[in-house]
Amino acid sequence: MPKKSKKADIIDTATVLFAGKGFANTSMAEVASLTGIAGATIFYHFKTKEELFVSVLENVKTGLVQAFSLYFQEEHFPTGLERLLGAVAYHLHLSETKKEWFLLLRRHYTHELAAVHPACRRHLEVVYTCLVEIFEKALTIGQEDGSIGPLSAKKTALIILAMVDGILQLESNNLYNAGTLYSELLASCRRMVENKQ
């Protein structure tokens, strides 16, 4: 496995800090220190903290797209319904193994910056569009194979993403052990879309 570049190390460290502490409470000096580089070196790669944040978001976007792509290459689903449930389960799995990605996506600053920074907005849109399209594709396949009933694939995909996102929000806010809801979420998705005929 090739050694990661300093820039990649900076992005990885910054991802954890931005996700855990937020944008305002993360300093470039802290990122540099935890990465093990001189303070001036970080500014060679990223002129501002905002530029670093956008690079972190781009990295999260790329990671999510690649993770789902690899998942669907490796898994086989007999029906669209099973593909949908697999996608929801994998989304939940990723939220545990890549917790910092999902915390970062929920940070208020991420959405504030997206409102005024076109590159940040593009990366955020790609993340959410990708997730909706994954669910929508499974729903469409399920309608074609008869495992999913007649419904609006786009609207249902958005509702399912909102349900998954809501459970993850409970988890990230430490309001509830959302892990106990995972199997019920899958059962609810099945009941909501399964062809009853």
Protein backbone atom coordinates (compact mmCIF):
# COMPACT_ATOMS: atom_id res chain seq x y z
CA MET A 1 0.00 0.00 0.00
CA PRO A 2 1.50 3.37 -0.99
CA LYS A 3 2.30 5.87 1.73
CA LYS A 4 -0.23 8.69 2.06
CA SER A 5 0.84 12.19 1.09
CA LYS A 6 1.15 14.97 3.67
CA LYS A 7 -1.87 16.63 2.06
CA ALA A 8 -3.95 13.46 2.57
CA ASP A 9 -2.75 13.26 6.20
CA ILE A 10 -3.81 16.86 6.76
CA ILE A 11 -7.25 16.18 5.27
CA ASP A 12 -7.73 13.05 7.42
CA THR A 13 -6.74 14.89 10.60
CA ALA A 14 -8.90 17.89 9.74
CA THR A 15 -11.89 15.64 9.03
CA VAL A 16 -11.80 14.24 12.56
CA LEU A 17 -11.32 17.69 14.11
CA PHE A 18 -13.99 19.47 12.05
CA ALA A 19 -16.44 16.64 12.70
CA GLY A 20 -15.77 16.52 16.44
CA LYS A 21 -15.12 20.14 17.33
CA GLY A 22 -16.73 22.07 14.49
CA PHE A 23 -15.21 24.64 12.17
CA ALA A 24 -14.88 27.54 14.62
CA ASN A 25 -13.22 25.44 17.34
CA THR A 26 -10.65 23.84 15.02
CA SER A 27 -7.46 25.78 14.32
CA MET A 28 -4.98 25.31 11.52
CA ALA A 29 -2.22 25.13 14.17
CA GLU A 30 -4.00 22.20 15.85
CA VAL A 31 -4.42 20.39 12.53
CA ALA A 32 -0.72 20.90 11.78
CA SER A 33 0.34 19.76 15.25
CA LEU A 34 -1.77 16.58 15.19
CA THR A 35 -0.59 15.82 11.65
CA GLY A 36 3.02 16.18 12.82
CA ILE A 37 3.99 18.98 10.46
CA ALA A 38 5.27 22.53 10.93
CA GLY A 39 2.58 25.18 11.16
CA ALA A 40 3.74 26.89 7.98
CA THR A 41 3.57 23.62 6.00
CA ILE A 42 -0.21 23.44 6.26
CA PHE A 43 -0.51 26.82 4.51
CA TYR A 44 1.56 25.47 1.63
CA HIS A 45 -1.25 23.00 0.94
CA PHE A 46 -4.27 25.08 2.06
CA LYS A 47 -4.27 28.87 2.01
CA THR A 48 -7.20 29.18 4.44
CA LYS A 49 -9.15 27.08 6.90
CA GLU A 50 -12.18 27.42 4.62
CA GLU A 51 -10.19 25.95 1.71
CA LEU A 52 -9.15 23.04 3.94
CA PHE A 53 -12.78 22.50 4.97
CA VAL A 54 -13.93 22.35 1.35
CA SER A 55 -11.16 19.81 0.60
CA VAL A 56 -12.33 17.73 3.56
CA LEU A 57 -15.90 17.80 2.26
CA GLU A 58 -14.71 16.82 -1.22
CA ASN A 59 -12.83 13.90 0.32
CA VAL A 60 -15.96 12.78 2.21
CA LYS A 61 -17.98 12.99 -1.02
CA THR A 62 -15.43 10.90 -2.91
CA GLY A 63 -15.22 8.37 -0.08
CA LEU A 64 -18.98 7.90 0.12
CA VAL A 65 -19.41 7.51 -3.64
CA GLN A 66 -16.54 5.00 -3.80
CA ALA A 67 -17.76 3.04 -0.77
CA PHE A 68 -21.26 2.57 -2.20
CA SER A 69 -19.89 1.78 -5.65
CA LEU A 70 -17.65 -0.94 -4.22
CA TYR A 71 -20.50 -2.29 -2.07
CA PHE A 72 -22.76 -2.75 -5.09
CA GLN A 73 -19.95 -4.37 -7.09
CA GLU A 74 -19.39 -6.94 -4.34
CA GLU A 75 -22.99 -7.67 -3.31
CA HIS A 76 -25.73 -9.38 -5.29
CA PHE A 77 -29.42 -8.81 -4.53
CA PRO A 78 -32.15 -11.07 -5.94
CA THR A 79 -34.72 -8.24 -5.93
CA GLY A 80 -34.91 -4.48 -5.87
CA LEU A 81 -36.47 -4.68 -2.41
CA GLU A 82 -33.46 -6.58 -1.08
CA ARG A 83 -31.16 -4.09 -2.81
CA LEU A 84 -32.97 -1.22 -1.09
CA LEU A 85 -32.73 -2.85 2.34
CA GLY A 86 -29.07 -3.63 1.67
CA ALA A 87 -28.42 0.02 0.76
CA VAL A 88 -30.11 1.25 3.95
CA ALA A 89 -28.18 -1.27 6.05
CA TYR A 90 -24.90 -0.30 4.38
CA HIS A 91 -25.64 3.40 4.94
CA LEU A 92 -26.09 2.63 8.65
CA HIS A 93 -22.89 0.55 8.63
CA LEU A 94 -20.92 3.40 7.04
CA SER A 95 -22.29 5.81 9.63
CA GLU A 96 -20.57 3.66 12.27
CA THR A 97 -17.29 2.92 10.47
CA LYS A 98 -16.93 6.45 9.05
CA LYS A 99 -18.65 8.34 11.86
CA GLU A 100 -16.62 11.49 11.22
CA TRP A 101 -18.01 11.76 7.67
CA PHE A 102 -21.60 11.77 8.87
CA LEU A 103 -20.90 14.10 11.80
CA LEU A 104 -19.28 16.53 9.37
CA LEU A 105 -22.31 16.41 7.06
CA ARG A 106 -24.56 17.31 10.01
CA ARG A 107 -22.50 20.22 11.25
CA HIS A 108 -24.33 23.55 10.98
CA TYR A 109 -21.28 25.22 9.48
CA THR A 110 -21.25 22.77 6.56
CA HIS A 111 -24.66 24.05 5.47
CA GLU A 112 -23.82 27.69 6.24
CA LEU A 113 -20.75 27.52 4.02
CA ALA A 114 -22.67 25.70 1.29
CA ALA A 115 -25.09 28.65 1.14
CA VAL A 116 -22.27 31.03 0.12
CA HIS A 117 -19.49 28.84 -1.27
CA PRO A 118 -20.26 27.21 -4.68
CA ALA A 119 -17.66 24.40 -4.39
CA CYS A 120 -18.88 23.44 -0.93
CA ARG A 121 -22.48 23.44 -2.18
CA ARG A 122 -21.56 21.22 -5.15
CA HIS A 123 -19.86 18.64 -2.92
CA LEU A 124 -22.79 18.60 -0.49
CA GLU A 125 -25.31 18.27 -3.33
CA VAL A 126 -23.35 15.38 -4.83
CA VAL A 127 -23.36 13.54 -1.48
CA TYR A 128 -27.11 13.83 -0.99
CA THR A 129 -27.94 13.27 -4.66
CA CYS A 130 -25.83 10.11 -4.61
CA LEU A 131 -27.66 8.77 -1.55
CA VAL A 132 -31.10 9.56 -2.99
CA GLU A 133 -30.19 7.98 -6.33
CA ILE A 134 -28.98 4.79 -4.63
CA PHE A 135 -32.36 4.35 -2.95
CA GLU A 136 -34.27 5.48 -6.05
CA LYS A 137 -32.46 2.97 -8.28
CA ALA A 138 -33.26 0.11 -5.89
CA LEU A 139 -36.92 1.20 -5.80
CA THR A 140 -37.09 1.34 -9.60
CA ILE A 141 -35.50 -2.11 -9.94
CA GLY A 142 -37.98 -3.40 -7.38
CA GLN A 143 -40.91 -1.99 -9.31
CA GLU A 144 -39.61 -3.67 -12.46
CA ASP A 145 -39.19 -7.07 -10.76
CA GLY A 146 -42.46 -6.79 -8.82
CA SER A 147 -40.95 -6.75 -5.31
CA ILE A 148 -41.88 -3.09 -4.75
CA GLY A 149 -45.35 -1.67 -5.20
CA PRO A 150 -46.47 1.33 -7.25
CA LEU A 151 -45.11 4.51 -5.68
CA SER A 152 -43.04 7.54 -6.62
CA ALA A 153 -39.47 6.23 -6.55
CA LYS A 154 -37.96 9.73 -6.18
CA LYS A 155 -40.24 10.87 -3.35
CA THR A 156 -39.96 7.54 -1.55
CA ALA A 157 -36.17 7.64 -1.85
CA LEU A 158 -36.20 11.11 -0.24
CA ILE A 159 -38.46 9.88 2.58
CA ILE A 160 -36.19 6.88 3.23
CA LEU A 161 -33.10 9.12 3.29
CA ALA A 162 -34.88 11.43 5.74
CA MET A 163 -35.71 8.46 7.98
CA VAL A 164 -32.11 7.20 7.92
CA ASP A 165 -30.76 10.70 8.45
CA GLY A 166 -33.14 11.27 11.37
CA ILE A 167 -31.98 8.14 13.14
CA LEU A 168 -28.35 9.07 12.57
CA GLN A 169 -29.08 12.55 13.95
CA LEU A 170 -30.44 11.01 17.15
CA GLU A 171 -27.28 8.96 17.42
CA SER A 172 -24.87 11.82 16.75
CA ASN A 173 -26.64 14.07 19.28
CA ASN A 174 -26.39 11.32 21.92
CA LEU A 175 -30.14 11.63 22.50
CA TYR A 176 -30.89 7.96 22.03
CA ASN A 177 -29.09 4.73 21.27
CA ALA A 178 -30.26 4.76 17.68
CA GLY A 179 -28.56 1.44 16.98
CA THR A 180 -31.52 -0.21 18.67
CA LEU A 181 -33.75 1.22 15.94
CA TYR A 182 -31.79 -0.13 12.96
CA SER A 183 -33.71 -3.38 12.56
CA GLU A 184 -37.02 -1.56 13.02
CA LEU A 185 -35.97 0.97 10.37
CA LEU A 186 -35.32 -1.86 7.90
CA ALA A 187 -38.66 -3.46 8.77
CA SER A 188 -40.42 -0.10 8.32
CA CYS A 189 -38.79 0.41 4.91
CA ARG A 190 -39.92 -3.07 3.87
CA ARG A 191 -43.50 -2.44 5.01
CA MET A 192 -43.58 0.95 3.31
CA VAL A 193 -42.50 -0.21 -0.15
CA GLU A 194 -43.15 -3.94 -0.45
CA ASN A 195 -45.59 -4.99 -3.15
CA LYS A 196 -48.65 -6.23 -1.23
CA GLN A 197 -50.29 -7.95 -4.23
